[in-house]
Amino acid sequence: MLSRSQYYLLAAIAVAFGASWFSRSYNPYFLDIAVTCGINITLAVSLNLINGYTGQFSLGHAGFMAIGAYSAATVTTIFGDKLLPLVGGQTWILFPLALYAGGLVASLAGLLVGVPSLRLRGDYLAIVTLGFGEIIRVLLQNINAVGGARGMINIPEYTNLFWTFGLAAITVYTVWALVNSTYGRGFIAVNDDEVAAEAMGINTTRYKITAFVVGAFFAGLAGGIYAHFKQYIAPQGFGFDKSIEIVVMVILGGMGNTVGVIIAAVLLTVLTESLRKFGDYRMILYSLLIIVLMITRPQGLFTWTAKRKTA
């Protein structure tokens, strides 16, 4: 028998699959906003596992998104002609393989960054992850094989509403199931009191690395979805501004509140369209929004329940 959460997952995927059949008749502008909402849901929920449930503060999520985007695009663009005959010319097989490759490379990068740096805490960890994101951006600007500063072009358009919201549903379910499992209580213990968790014999470093790797994996998948929708990616699209945008979604929705983070991701995506005419000034508005929230509602704008209790 399937659990209620599994029924919800299947229902969400079915809705995404049904919507994809009508995507060709959508206004391209609204389709762009809808896909961006789905991508941001995946990014925000995966970062919420790190920042919200585990209590760390990562500012390098856009770096993992970039790794996933470039890795997946490399599979379909550079190696696509050689791989398509191996899968019978079926793009619906090649695309998820490319997404998985992007997520795998991103999670490997998360592991390489996490092992030496996640022994740090607070501001020190934020600085390290911020530096990592900038290193990735600079490296991509200097790799001519993937376009360098010009960016990567001619990426096939494989993304639709089914892939976008199907991935978002899987991300939400995975994070929810992981946090609410017996093993996942360790993430909450690390968040509530890391010193006490260590005193109880919990390997806090392992839990932080696990959260980092899982979050990086789904950020990589979101990057692959993004690349195969825009059909063009450039290093400047994965800079510090993008990381801050994802962090704002988590803070606005409420740290450790999955439903609130989903609402915040959709709200900020739609709001960004109306603020686009202000250009880079929207980052100032984001900063002011964080300050106001920290003063008035530090638990997040969409947190309605009392503080979570550990089991």
C-alpha atoms as a PDB file:
ATOM      1  CA  MET A   1       0.000   0.000   0.000  1.00  0.00           C
ATOM      2  CA  LEU A   2       1.217   3.483  -0.848  1.00  0.00           C
ATOM      3  CA  SER A   3       1.445   6.091   1.882  1.00  0.00           C
ATOM      4  CA  ARG A   4      -0.409   9.385   1.682  1.00  0.00           C
ATOM      5  CA  SER A   5       2.792  11.264   0.801  1.00  0.00           C
ATOM      6  CA  GLN A   6       3.466   8.841  -2.061  1.00  0.00           C
ATOM      7  CA  TYR A   7      -0.036   9.418  -3.402  1.00  0.00           C
ATOM      8  CA  TYR A   8       0.634  13.161  -3.301  1.00  0.00           C
ATOM      9  CA  LEU A   9       3.875  12.628  -5.221  1.00  0.00           C
ATOM     10  CA  LEU A  10       2.166  10.555  -7.912  1.00  0.00           C
ATOM     11  CA  ALA A  11      -0.659  13.101  -8.158  1.00  0.00           C
ATOM     12  CA  ALA A  12       1.813  15.962  -8.579  1.00  0.00           C
ATOM     13  CA  ILE A  13       3.689  14.114 -11.333  1.00  0.00           C
ATOM     14  CA  ALA A  14       0.390  13.252 -13.060  1.00  0.00           C
ATOM     15  CA  VAL A  15      -0.661  16.916 -12.997  1.00  0.00           C
ATOM     16  CA  ALA A  16       2.712  17.939 -14.412  1.00  0.00           C
ATOM     17  CA  PHE A  17       2.420  15.321 -17.142  1.00  0.00           C
ATOM     18  CA  GLY A  18      -1.077  16.473 -18.057  1.00  0.00           C
ATOM     19  CA  ALA A  19      -0.039  20.117 -18.143  1.00  0.00           C
ATOM     20  CA  SER A  20       2.861  19.335 -20.457  1.00  0.00           C
ATOM     21  CA  TRP A  21       0.433  18.235 -23.174  1.00  0.00           C
ATOM     22  CA  PHE A  22      -0.995  21.763 -23.291  1.00  0.00           C
ATOM     23  CA  SER A  23       2.316  23.619 -22.979  1.00  0.00           C
ATOM     24  CA  ARG A  24       2.560  24.248 -26.725  1.00  0.00           C
ATOM     25  CA  SER A  25      -0.628  26.323 -26.648  1.00  0.00           C
ATOM     26  CA  TYR A  26       0.565  28.494 -23.762  1.00  0.00           C
ATOM     27  CA  ASN A  27       1.721  32.046 -24.184  1.00  0.00           C
ATOM     28  CA  PRO A  28       5.546  31.753 -24.299  1.00  0.00           C
ATOM     29  CA  TYR A  29       5.909  34.493 -21.699  1.00  0.00           C
ATOM     30  CA  PHE A  30       3.676  32.754 -19.155  1.00  0.00           C
ATOM     31  CA  LEU A  31       5.269  29.407 -19.979  1.00  0.00           C
ATOM     32  CA  ASP A  32       8.664  30.938 -19.178  1.00  0.00           C
ATOM     33  CA  ILE A  33       7.382  32.160 -15.805  1.00  0.00           C
ATOM     34  CA  ALA A  34       5.800  28.770 -15.019  1.00  0.00           C
ATOM     35  CA  VAL A  35       9.002  26.855 -15.806  1.00  0.00           C
ATOM     36  CA  THR A  36      11.065  29.345 -13.820  1.00  0.00           C
ATOM     37  CA  CYS A  37       8.721  28.838 -10.856  1.00  0.00           C
ATOM     38  CA  GLY A  38       9.288  25.077 -11.025  1.00  0.00           C
ATOM     39  CA  ILE A  39      13.067  25.487 -11.240  1.00  0.00           C
ATOM     40  CA  ASN A  40      13.109  27.885  -8.306  1.00  0.00           C
ATOM     41  CA  ILE A  41      10.982  25.514  -6.227  1.00  0.00           C
ATOM     42  CA  THR A  42      13.586  22.794  -6.745  1.00  0.00           C
ATOM     43  CA  LEU A  43      16.441  25.179  -5.896  1.00  0.00           C
ATOM     44  CA  ALA A  44      14.765  26.647  -2.816  1.00  0.00           C
ATOM     45  CA  VAL A  45      13.588  23.330  -1.359  1.00  0.00           C
ATOM     46  CA  SER A  46      17.022  21.746  -1.847  1.00  0.00           C
ATOM     47  CA  LEU A  47      18.744  24.732  -0.203  1.00  0.00           C
ATOM     48  CA  ASN A  48      16.194  24.564   2.617  1.00  0.00           C
ATOM     49  CA  LEU A  49      17.591  21.145   3.522  1.00  0.00           C
ATOM     50  CA  ILE A  50      20.987  22.785   4.111  1.00  0.00           C
ATOM     51  CA  ASN A  51      20.048  26.184   5.512  1.00  0.00           C
ATOM     52  CA  GLY A  52      16.680  25.410   7.062  1.00  0.00           C
ATOM     53  CA  TYR A  53      16.663  21.876   8.406  1.00  0.00           C
ATOM     54  CA  THR A  54      20.386  21.429   9.088  1.00  0.00           C
ATOM     55  CA  GLY A  55      21.013  24.999  10.233  1.00  0.00           C
ATOM     56  CA  GLN A  56      23.997  25.758   7.994  1.00  0.00           C
ATOM     57  CA  PHE A  57      24.358  28.871   5.847  1.00  0.00           C
ATOM     58  CA  SER A  58      25.371  28.191   2.260  1.00  0.00           C
ATOM     59  CA  LEU A  59      25.800  30.942  -0.319  1.00  0.00           C
ATOM     60  CA  GLY A  60      27.081  28.752  -3.135  1.00  0.00           C
ATOM     61  CA  HIS A  61      23.918  27.099  -4.431  1.00  0.00           C
ATOM     62  CA  ALA A  62      24.165  28.884  -7.784  1.00  0.00           C
ATOM     63  CA  GLY A  63      27.582  27.279  -8.226  1.00  0.00           C
ATOM     64  CA  PHE A  64      26.074  23.795  -7.992  1.00  0.00           C
ATOM     65  CA  MET A  65      23.316  24.860 -10.367  1.00  0.00           C
ATOM     66  CA  ALA A  66      25.979  26.020 -12.841  1.00  0.00           C
ATOM     67  CA  ILE A  67      27.868  22.719 -12.637  1.00  0.00           C
ATOM     68  CA  GLY A  68      24.674  20.764 -13.285  1.00  0.00           C
ATOM     69  CA  ALA A  69      23.647  23.051 -16.155  1.00  0.00           C
ATOM     70  CA  TYR A  70      26.983  22.833 -17.951  1.00  0.00           C
ATOM     71  CA  SER A  71      27.408  19.104 -17.323  1.00  0.00           C
ATOM     72  CA  ALA A  72      23.929  18.210 -18.603  1.00  0.00           C
ATOM     73  CA  ALA A  73      24.282  20.557 -21.580  1.00  0.00           C
ATOM     74  CA  THR A  74      27.651  19.013 -22.425  1.00  0.00           C
ATOM     75  CA  VAL A  75      26.095  15.535 -22.532  1.00  0.00           C
ATOM     76  CA  THR A  76      23.269  16.537 -24.892  1.00  0.00           C
ATOM     77  CA  THR A  77      25.117  19.127 -27.001  1.00  0.00           C
ATOM     78  CA  ILE A  78      28.655  17.816 -27.401  1.00  0.00           C
ATOM     79  CA  PHE A  79      28.053  14.077 -26.984  1.00  0.00           C
ATOM     80  CA  GLY A  80      24.396  13.960 -28.011  1.00  0.00           C
ATOM     81  CA  ASP A  81      25.024  12.786 -31.583  1.00  0.00           C
ATOM     82  CA  LYS A  82      27.041   9.834 -30.303  1.00  0.00           C
ATOM     83  CA  LEU A  83      24.708   8.943 -27.432  1.00  0.00           C
ATOM     84  CA  LEU A  84      21.367   9.187 -29.233  1.00  0.00           C
ATOM     85  CA  PRO A  85      21.932   6.045 -31.376  1.00  0.00           C
ATOM     86  CA  LEU A  86      22.775   4.131 -28.196  1.00  0.00           C
ATOM     87  CA  VAL A  87      19.347   4.952 -26.721  1.00  0.00           C
ATOM     88  CA  GLY A  88      17.475   4.256 -29.941  1.00  0.00           C
ATOM     89  CA  GLY A  89      17.232   7.925 -30.866  1.00  0.00           C
ATOM     90  CA  GLN A  90      14.870   8.544 -27.948  1.00  0.00           C
ATOM     91  CA  THR A  91      15.426  11.993 -26.451  1.00  0.00           C
ATOM     92  CA  TRP A  92      13.178  11.148 -23.491  1.00  0.00           C
ATOM     93  CA  ILE A  93      15.863   8.642 -22.457  1.00  0.00           C
ATOM     94  CA  LEU A  94      18.863  10.859 -23.211  1.00  0.00           C
ATOM     95  CA  PHE A  95      17.488  13.859 -21.334  1.00  0.00           C
ATOM     96  CA  PRO A  96      17.043  12.239 -17.883  1.00  0.00           C
ATOM     97  CA  LEU A  97      20.464  10.607 -18.295  1.00  0.00           C
ATOM     98  CA  ALA A  98      21.936  14.041 -18.954  1.00  0.00           C
ATOM     99  CA  LEU A  99      20.101  15.484 -15.952  1.00  0.00           C
ATOM    100  CA  TYR A 100      21.367  12.678 -13.748  1.00  0.00           C
ATOM    101  CA  ALA A 101      24.915  13.265 -14.974  1.00  0.00           C
ATOM    102  CA  GLY A 102      24.593  16.948 -14.112  1.00  0.00           C
ATOM    103  CA  GLY A 103      23.233  16.175 -10.660  1.00  0.00           C
ATOM    104  CA  LEU A 104      25.953  13.590 -10.055  1.00  0.00           C
ATOM    105  CA  VAL A 105      28.770  15.978 -10.973  1.00  0.00           C
ATOM    106  CA  ALA A 106      27.200  18.698  -8.820  1.00  0.00           C
ATOM    107  CA  SER A 107      26.894  16.337  -5.834  1.00  0.00           C
ATOM    108  CA  LEU A 108      30.531  15.306  -6.303  1.00  0.00           C
ATOM    109  CA  ALA A 109      31.486  18.981  -6.198  1.00  0.00           C
ATOM    110  CA  GLY A 110      29.376  19.325  -3.059  1.00  0.00           C
ATOM    111  CA  LEU A 111      31.289  16.469  -1.495  1.00  0.00           C
ATOM    112  CA  LEU A 112      34.673  17.904  -2.463  1.00  0.00           C
ATOM    113  CA  VAL A 113      33.711  21.277  -1.011  1.00  0.00           C
ATOM    114  CA  GLY A 114      31.857  19.879   1.969  1.00  0.00           C
ATOM    115  CA  VAL A 115      34.497  17.551   3.405  1.00  0.00           C
ATOM    116  CA  PRO A 116      37.093  20.269   4.149  1.00  0.00           C
ATOM    117  CA  SER A 117      34.721  23.180   4.767  1.00  0.00           C
ATOM    118  CA  LEU A 118      31.703  21.858   6.672  1.00  0.00           C
ATOM    119  CA  ARG A 119      33.689  21.593   9.855  1.00  0.00           C
ATOM    120  CA  LEU A 120      33.300  25.348   9.839  1.00  0.00           C
ATOM    121  CA  ARG A 121      30.249  27.069  11.246  1.00  0.00           C
ATOM    122  CA  GLY A 122      28.237  30.221  10.791  1.00  0.00           C
ATOM    123  CA  ASP A 123      29.812  33.100   8.915  1.00  0.00           C
ATOM    124  CA  TYR A 124      32.961  31.131   8.106  1.00  0.00           C
ATOM    125  CA  LEU A 125      30.957  28.503   6.246  1.00  0.00           C
ATOM    126  CA  ALA A 126      29.026  31.203   4.381  1.00  0.00           C
ATOM    127  CA  ILE A 127      32.280  32.805   3.240  1.00  0.00           C
ATOM    128  CA  VAL A 128      33.711  29.484   2.029  1.00  0.00           C
ATOM    129  CA  THR A 129      30.581  28.566   0.047  1.00  0.00           C
ATOM    130  CA  LEU A 130      30.416  32.078  -1.390  1.00  0.00           C
ATOM    131  CA  GLY A 131      34.014  31.747  -2.535  1.00  0.00           C
ATOM    132  CA  PHE A 132      33.256  28.355  -4.067  1.00  0.00           C
ATOM    133  CA  GLY A 133      30.418  29.802  -6.137  1.00  0.00           C
ATOM    134  CA  GLU A 134      32.634  32.568  -7.448  1.00  0.00           C
ATOM    135  CA  ILE A 135      35.448  30.115  -8.256  1.00  0.00           C
ATOM    136  CA  ILE A 136      33.046  28.031 -10.348  1.00  0.00           C
ATOM    137  CA  ARG A 137      31.862  31.112 -12.234  1.00  0.00           C
ATOM    138  CA  VAL A 138      35.413  32.258 -12.988  1.00  0.00           C
ATOM    139  CA  LEU A 139      36.491  28.769 -14.084  1.00  0.00           C
ATOM    140  CA  LEU A 140      33.566  28.503 -16.493  1.00  0.00           C
ATOM    141  CA  GLN A 141      34.490  31.873 -17.972  1.00  0.00           C
ATOM    142  CA  ASN A 142      37.925  30.500 -18.879  1.00  0.00           C
ATOM    143  CA  ILE A 143      36.965  27.078 -20.287  1.00  0.00           C
ATOM    144  CA  ASN A 144      36.671  27.515 -24.057  1.00  0.00           C
ATOM    145  CA  ALA A 145      35.298  23.994 -24.529  1.00  0.00           C
ATOM    146  CA  VAL A 146      31.984  25.155 -23.018  1.00  0.00           C
ATOM    147  CA  GLY A 147      31.997  28.611 -24.577  1.00  0.00           C
ATOM    148  CA  GLY A 148      33.979  30.529 -21.973  1.00  0.00           C
ATOM    149  CA  ALA A 149      32.660  34.003 -21.233  1.00  0.00           C
ATOM    150  CA  ARG A 150      30.517  33.854 -24.402  1.00  0.00           C
ATOM    151  CA  GLY A 151      28.403  31.100 -22.935  1.00  0.00           C
ATOM    152  CA  MET A 152      27.142  27.798 -24.316  1.00  0.00           C
ATOM    153  CA  ILE A 153      24.719  27.877 -27.251  1.00  0.00           C
ATOM    154  CA  ASN A 154      22.655  25.460 -29.354  1.00  0.00           C
ATOM    155  CA  ILE A 155      21.452  23.480 -26.332  1.00  0.00           C
ATOM    156  CA  PRO A 156      18.476  21.299 -27.363  1.00  0.00           C
ATOM    157  CA  GLU A 157      15.094  22.316 -25.965  1.00  0.00           C
ATOM    158  CA  TYR A 158      14.058  19.248 -23.998  1.00  0.00           C
ATOM    159  CA  THR A 159      12.522  20.911 -20.948  1.00  0.00           C
ATOM    160  CA  ASN A 160       8.757  21.150 -20.586  1.00  0.00           C
ATOM    161  CA  LEU A 161       6.289  21.464 -17.721  1.00  0.00           C
ATOM    162  CA  PHE A 162       6.346  17.729 -17.047  1.00  0.00           C
ATOM    163  CA  TRP A 163      10.105  17.565 -16.488  1.00  0.00           C
ATOM    164  CA  THR A 164      10.124  20.826 -14.552  1.00  0.00           C
ATOM    165  CA  PHE A 165       7.347  20.143 -12.074  1.00  0.00           C
ATOM    166  CA  GLY A 166       8.007  16.418 -12.008  1.00  0.00           C
ATOM    167  CA  LEU A 167      11.506  17.216 -10.722  1.00  0.00           C
ATOM    168  CA  ALA A 168      10.070  19.767  -8.279  1.00  0.00           C
ATOM    169  CA  ALA A 169       7.655  17.145  -6.908  1.00  0.00           C
ATOM    170  CA  ILE A 170      10.444  14.582  -6.510  1.00  0.00           C
ATOM    171  CA  THR A 171      12.628  17.152  -4.746  1.00  0.00           C
ATOM    172  CA  VAL A 172       9.880  18.110  -2.304  1.00  0.00           C
ATOM    173  CA  TYR A 173       9.059  14.480  -1.578  1.00  0.00           C
ATOM    174  CA  THR A 174      12.720  13.471  -1.141  1.00  0.00           C
ATOM    175  CA  VAL A 175      13.487  16.288   1.282  1.00  0.00           C
ATOM    176  CA  TRP A 176      10.258  15.691   3.210  1.00  0.00           C
ATOM    177  CA  ALA A 177      10.824  11.926   3.443  1.00  0.00           C
ATOM    178  CA  LEU A 178      14.478  12.373   4.394  1.00  0.00           C
ATOM    179  CA  VAL A 179      13.812  14.885   7.162  1.00  0.00           C
ATOM    180  CA  ASN A 180      10.883  12.924   8.595  1.00  0.00           C
ATOM    181  CA  SER A 181      12.728   9.609   8.605  1.00  0.00           C
ATOM    182  CA  THR A 182      14.544   8.192  11.611  1.00  0.00           C
ATOM    183  CA  TYR A 183      17.862   9.055  10.021  1.00  0.00           C
ATOM    184  CA  GLY A 184      16.662  12.538   9.116  1.00  0.00           C
ATOM    185  CA  ARG A 185      16.056  13.473  12.752  1.00  0.00           C
ATOM    186  CA  GLY A 186      19.803  13.935  12.904  1.00  0.00           C
ATOM    187  CA  PHE A 187      19.512  16.968  10.597  1.00  0.00           C
ATOM    188  CA  ILE A 188      17.063  18.588  12.989  1.00  0.00           C
ATOM    189  CA  ALA A 189      19.269  17.717  15.976  1.00  0.00           C
ATOM    190  CA  VAL A 190      22.231  19.432  14.303  1.00  0.00           C
ATOM    191  CA  ASN A 191      20.087  22.487  13.674  1.00  0.00           C
ATOM    192  CA  ASP A 192      18.678  22.690  17.204  1.00  0.00           C
ATOM    193  CA  ASP A 193      21.948  22.295  19.102  1.00  0.00           C
ATOM    194  CA  GLU A 194      25.077  21.030  17.355  1.00  0.00           C
ATOM    195  CA  VAL A 195      27.105  20.776  20.570  1.00  0.00           C
ATOM    196  CA  ALA A 196      24.407  18.729  22.315  1.00  0.00           C
ATOM    197  CA  ALA A 197      24.054  16.524  19.234  1.00  0.00           C
ATOM    198  CA  GLU A 198      27.774  15.786  19.268  1.00  0.00           C
ATOM    199  CA  ALA A 199      27.585  15.022  22.995  1.00  0.00           C
ATOM    200  CA  MET A 200      24.852  12.466  22.249  1.00  0.00           C
ATOM    201  CA  GLY A 201      27.142  10.710  19.767  1.00  0.00           C
ATOM    202  CA  ILE A 202      25.721  12.142  16.535  1.00  0.00           C
ATOM    203  CA  ASN A 203      28.322  12.658  13.815  1.00  0.00           C
ATOM    204  CA  THR A 204      27.330  16.212  12.966  1.00  0.00           C
ATOM    205  CA  THR A 205      29.918  16.562  10.213  1.00  0.00           C
ATOM    206  CA  ARG A 206      28.481  13.549   8.384  1.00  0.00           C
ATOM    207  CA  TYR A 207      24.967  14.958   8.568  1.00  0.00           C
ATOM    208  CA  LYS A 208      26.096  18.345   7.296  1.00  0.00           C
ATOM    209  CA  ILE A 209      27.983  16.767   4.402  1.00  0.00           C
ATOM    210  CA  THR A 210      24.960  14.578   3.557  1.00  0.00           C
ATOM    211  CA  ALA A 211      22.683  17.623   3.475  1.00  0.00           C
ATOM    212  CA  PHE A 212      25.212  19.475   1.349  1.00  0.00           C
ATOM    213  CA  VAL A 213      25.570  16.625  -1.160  1.00  0.00           C
ATOM    214  CA  VAL A 214      21.808  16.034  -1.481  1.00  0.00           C
ATOM    215  CA  GLY A 215      21.145  19.755  -1.859  1.00  0.00           C
ATOM    216  CA  ALA A 216      23.893  20.063  -4.484  1.00  0.00           C
ATOM    217  CA  PHE A 217      22.484  17.075  -6.407  1.00  0.00           C
ATOM    218  CA  PHE A 218      19.049  18.622  -6.814  1.00  0.00           C
ATOM    219  CA  ALA A 219      20.557  22.032  -7.590  1.00  0.00           C
ATOM    220  CA  GLY A 220      22.470  20.321 -10.404  1.00  0.00           C
ATOM    221  CA  LEU A 221      19.265  18.765 -11.716  1.00  0.00           C
ATOM    222  CA  ALA A 222      17.585  22.184 -11.645  1.00  0.00           C
ATOM    223  CA  GLY A 223      20.532  23.580 -13.593  1.00  0.00           C
ATOM    224  CA  GLY A 224      20.048  20.920 -16.276  1.00  0.00           C
ATOM    225  CA  ILE A 225      16.352  21.766 -16.541  1.00  0.00           C
ATOM    226  CA  TYR A 226      17.260  25.456 -16.832  1.00  0.00           C
ATOM    227  CA  ALA A 227      19.873  24.889 -19.546  1.00  0.00           C
ATOM    228  CA  HIS A 228      17.544  22.817 -21.726  1.00  0.00           C
ATOM    229  CA  PHE A 229      14.788  25.399 -21.460  1.00  0.00           C
ATOM    230  CA  LYS A 230      16.749  28.593 -22.119  1.00  0.00           C
ATOM    231  CA  GLN A 231      18.962  26.841 -24.723  1.00  0.00           C
ATOM    232  CA  TYR A 232      21.746  29.228 -23.764  1.00  0.00           C
ATOM    233  CA  ILE A 233      23.756  29.467 -20.554  1.00  0.00           C
ATOM    234  CA  ALA A 234      26.568  31.806 -19.524  1.00  0.00           C
ATOM    235  CA  PRO A 235      28.680  32.024 -16.349  1.00  0.00           C
ATOM    236  CA  GLN A 236      27.252  35.416 -15.391  1.00  0.00           C
ATOM    237  CA  GLY A 237      23.828  33.810 -15.019  1.00  0.00           C
ATOM    238  CA  PHE A 238      25.054  31.792 -12.026  1.00  0.00           C
ATOM    239  CA  GLY A 239      26.719  34.512  -9.993  1.00  0.00           C
ATOM    240  CA  PHE A 240      26.309  35.813  -6.466  1.00  0.00           C
ATOM    241  CA  ASP A 241      22.982  37.447  -7.327  1.00  0.00           C
ATOM    242  CA  LYS A 242      21.419  34.076  -8.123  1.00  0.00           C
ATOM    243  CA  SER A 243      22.614  32.551  -4.850  1.00  0.00           C
ATOM    244  CA  ILE A 244      21.173  35.470  -2.897  1.00  0.00           C
ATOM    245  CA  GLU A 245      17.874  35.116  -4.739  1.00  0.00           C
ATOM    246  CA  ILE A 246      17.589  31.471  -3.650  1.00  0.00           C
ATOM    247  CA  VAL A 247      18.560  32.323  -0.051  1.00  0.00           C
ATOM    248  CA  VAL A 248      15.861  35.015   0.049  1.00  0.00           C
ATOM    249  CA  MET A 249      13.258  32.431  -0.978  1.00  0.00           C
ATOM    250  CA  VAL A 250      14.265  30.186   1.921  1.00  0.00           C
ATOM    251  CA  ILE A 251      14.281  33.027   4.455  1.00  0.00           C
ATOM    252  CA  LEU A 252      10.996  34.465   3.202  1.00  0.00           C
ATOM    253  CA  GLY A 253       9.271  31.084   3.281  1.00  0.00           C
ATOM    254  CA  GLY A 254      10.633  30.179   6.703  1.00  0.00           C
ATOM    255  CA  MET A 255      13.721  28.153   7.536  1.00  0.00           C
ATOM    256  CA  GLY A 256      12.716  24.490   7.713  1.00  0.00           C
ATOM    257  CA  ASN A 257       9.222  25.149   6.349  1.00  0.00           C
ATOM    258  CA  THR A 258       8.877  23.343   3.018  1.00  0.00           C
ATOM    259  CA  VAL A 259       5.386  24.619   2.182  1.00  0.00           C
ATOM    260  CA  GLY A 260       6.378  28.200   2.988  1.00  0.00           C
ATOM    261  CA  VAL A 261       9.524  27.929   0.858  1.00  0.00           C
ATOM    262  CA  ILE A 262       7.468  26.686  -2.103  1.00  0.00           C
ATOM    263  CA  ILE A 263       5.076  29.641  -1.769  1.00  0.00           C
ATOM    264  CA  ALA A 264       7.991  32.061  -1.441  1.00  0.00           C
ATOM    265  CA  ALA A 265       9.706  30.610  -4.533  1.00  0.00           C
ATOM    266  CA  VAL A 266       6.595  31.147  -6.648  1.00  0.00           C
ATOM    267  CA  LEU A 267       5.910  34.596  -5.166  1.00  0.00           C
ATOM    268  CA  LEU A 268       9.451  35.902  -5.673  1.00  0.00           C
ATOM    269  CA  THR A 269       9.618  34.492  -9.201  1.00  0.00           C
ATOM    270  CA  VAL A 270       6.484  36.399 -10.170  1.00  0.00           C
ATOM    271  CA  LEU A 271       7.618  39.484  -8.250  1.00  0.00           C
ATOM    272  CA  THR A 272      10.985  39.466 -10.010  1.00  0.00           C
ATOM    273  CA  GLU A 273       9.233  39.946 -13.334  1.00  0.00           C
ATOM    274  CA  SER A 274       7.625  43.134 -12.084  1.00  0.00           C
ATOM    275  CA  LEU A 275      10.964  44.327 -10.648  1.00  0.00           C
ATOM    276  CA  ARG A 276      12.968  43.532 -13.775  1.00  0.00           C
ATOM    277  CA  LYS A 277      12.732  47.135 -14.962  1.00  0.00           C
ATOM    278  CA  PHE A 278      14.742  48.179 -11.899  1.00  0.00           C
ATOM    279  CA  GLY A 279      17.700  46.009 -12.956  1.00  0.00           C
ATOM    280  CA  ASP A 280      20.304  45.459 -10.281  1.00  0.00           C
ATOM    281  CA  TYR A 281      18.365  47.638  -7.844  1.00  0.00           C
ATOM    282  CA  ARG A 282      16.188  44.644  -7.078  1.00  0.00           C
ATOM    283  CA  MET A 283      19.117  43.223  -5.080  1.00  0.00           C
ATOM    284  CA  ILE A 284      18.829  46.240  -2.793  1.00  0.00           C
ATOM    285  CA  LEU A 285      15.137  45.458  -2.400  1.00  0.00           C
ATOM    286  CA  TYR A 286      16.032  41.849  -1.557  1.00  0.00           C
ATOM    287  CA  SER A 287      18.488  43.064   1.085  1.00  0.00           C
ATOM    288  CA  LEU A 288      15.891  45.361   2.620  1.00  0.00           C
ATOM    289  CA  LEU A 289      13.392  42.505   2.577  1.00  0.00           C
ATOM    290  CA  ILE A 290      15.787  40.267   4.525  1.00  0.00           C
ATOM    291  CA  ILE A 291      16.451  43.003   7.090  1.00  0.00           C
ATOM    292  CA  VAL A 292      12.738  43.665   7.603  1.00  0.00           C
ATOM    293  CA  LEU A 293      12.010  39.953   7.944  1.00  0.00           C
ATOM    294  CA  MET A 294      14.807  39.413  10.454  1.00  0.00           C
ATOM    295  CA  ILE A 295      13.369  42.222  12.593  1.00  0.00           C
ATOM    296  CA  THR A 296       9.637  41.583  12.247  1.00  0.00           C
ATOM    297  CA  ARG A 297       9.267  37.884  11.424  1.00  0.00           C
ATOM    298  CA  PRO A 298      12.525  35.982  11.900  1.00  0.00           C
ATOM    299  CA  GLN A 299      10.609  32.692  11.560  1.00  0.00           C
ATOM    300  CA  GLY A 300       9.632  33.589   7.974  1.00  0.00           C
ATOM    301  CA  LEU A 301       6.634  35.189   6.345  1.00  0.00           C
ATOM    302  CA  PHE A 302       4.804  31.917   5.655  1.00  0.00           C
ATOM    303  CA  THR A 303       5.361  30.109   8.942  1.00  0.00           C
ATOM    304  CA  TRP A 304       2.064  29.652  10.750  1.00  0.00           C
ATOM    305  CA  THR A 305       2.744  26.805  13.175  1.00  0.00           C
ATOM    306  CA  ALA A 306       4.675  26.735  16.407  1.00  0.00           C
ATOM    307  CA  LYS A 307       8.360  25.912  16.465  1.00  0.00           C
ATOM    308  CA  ARG A 308       9.145  22.338  15.468  1.00  0.00           C
ATOM    309  CA  LYS A 309       9.742  19.834  18.243  1.00  0.00           C
ATOM    310  CA  THR A 310      12.370  17.165  17.968  1.00  0.00           C
ATOM    311  CA  ALA A 311      11.358  13.543  18.391  1.00  0.00           C
END
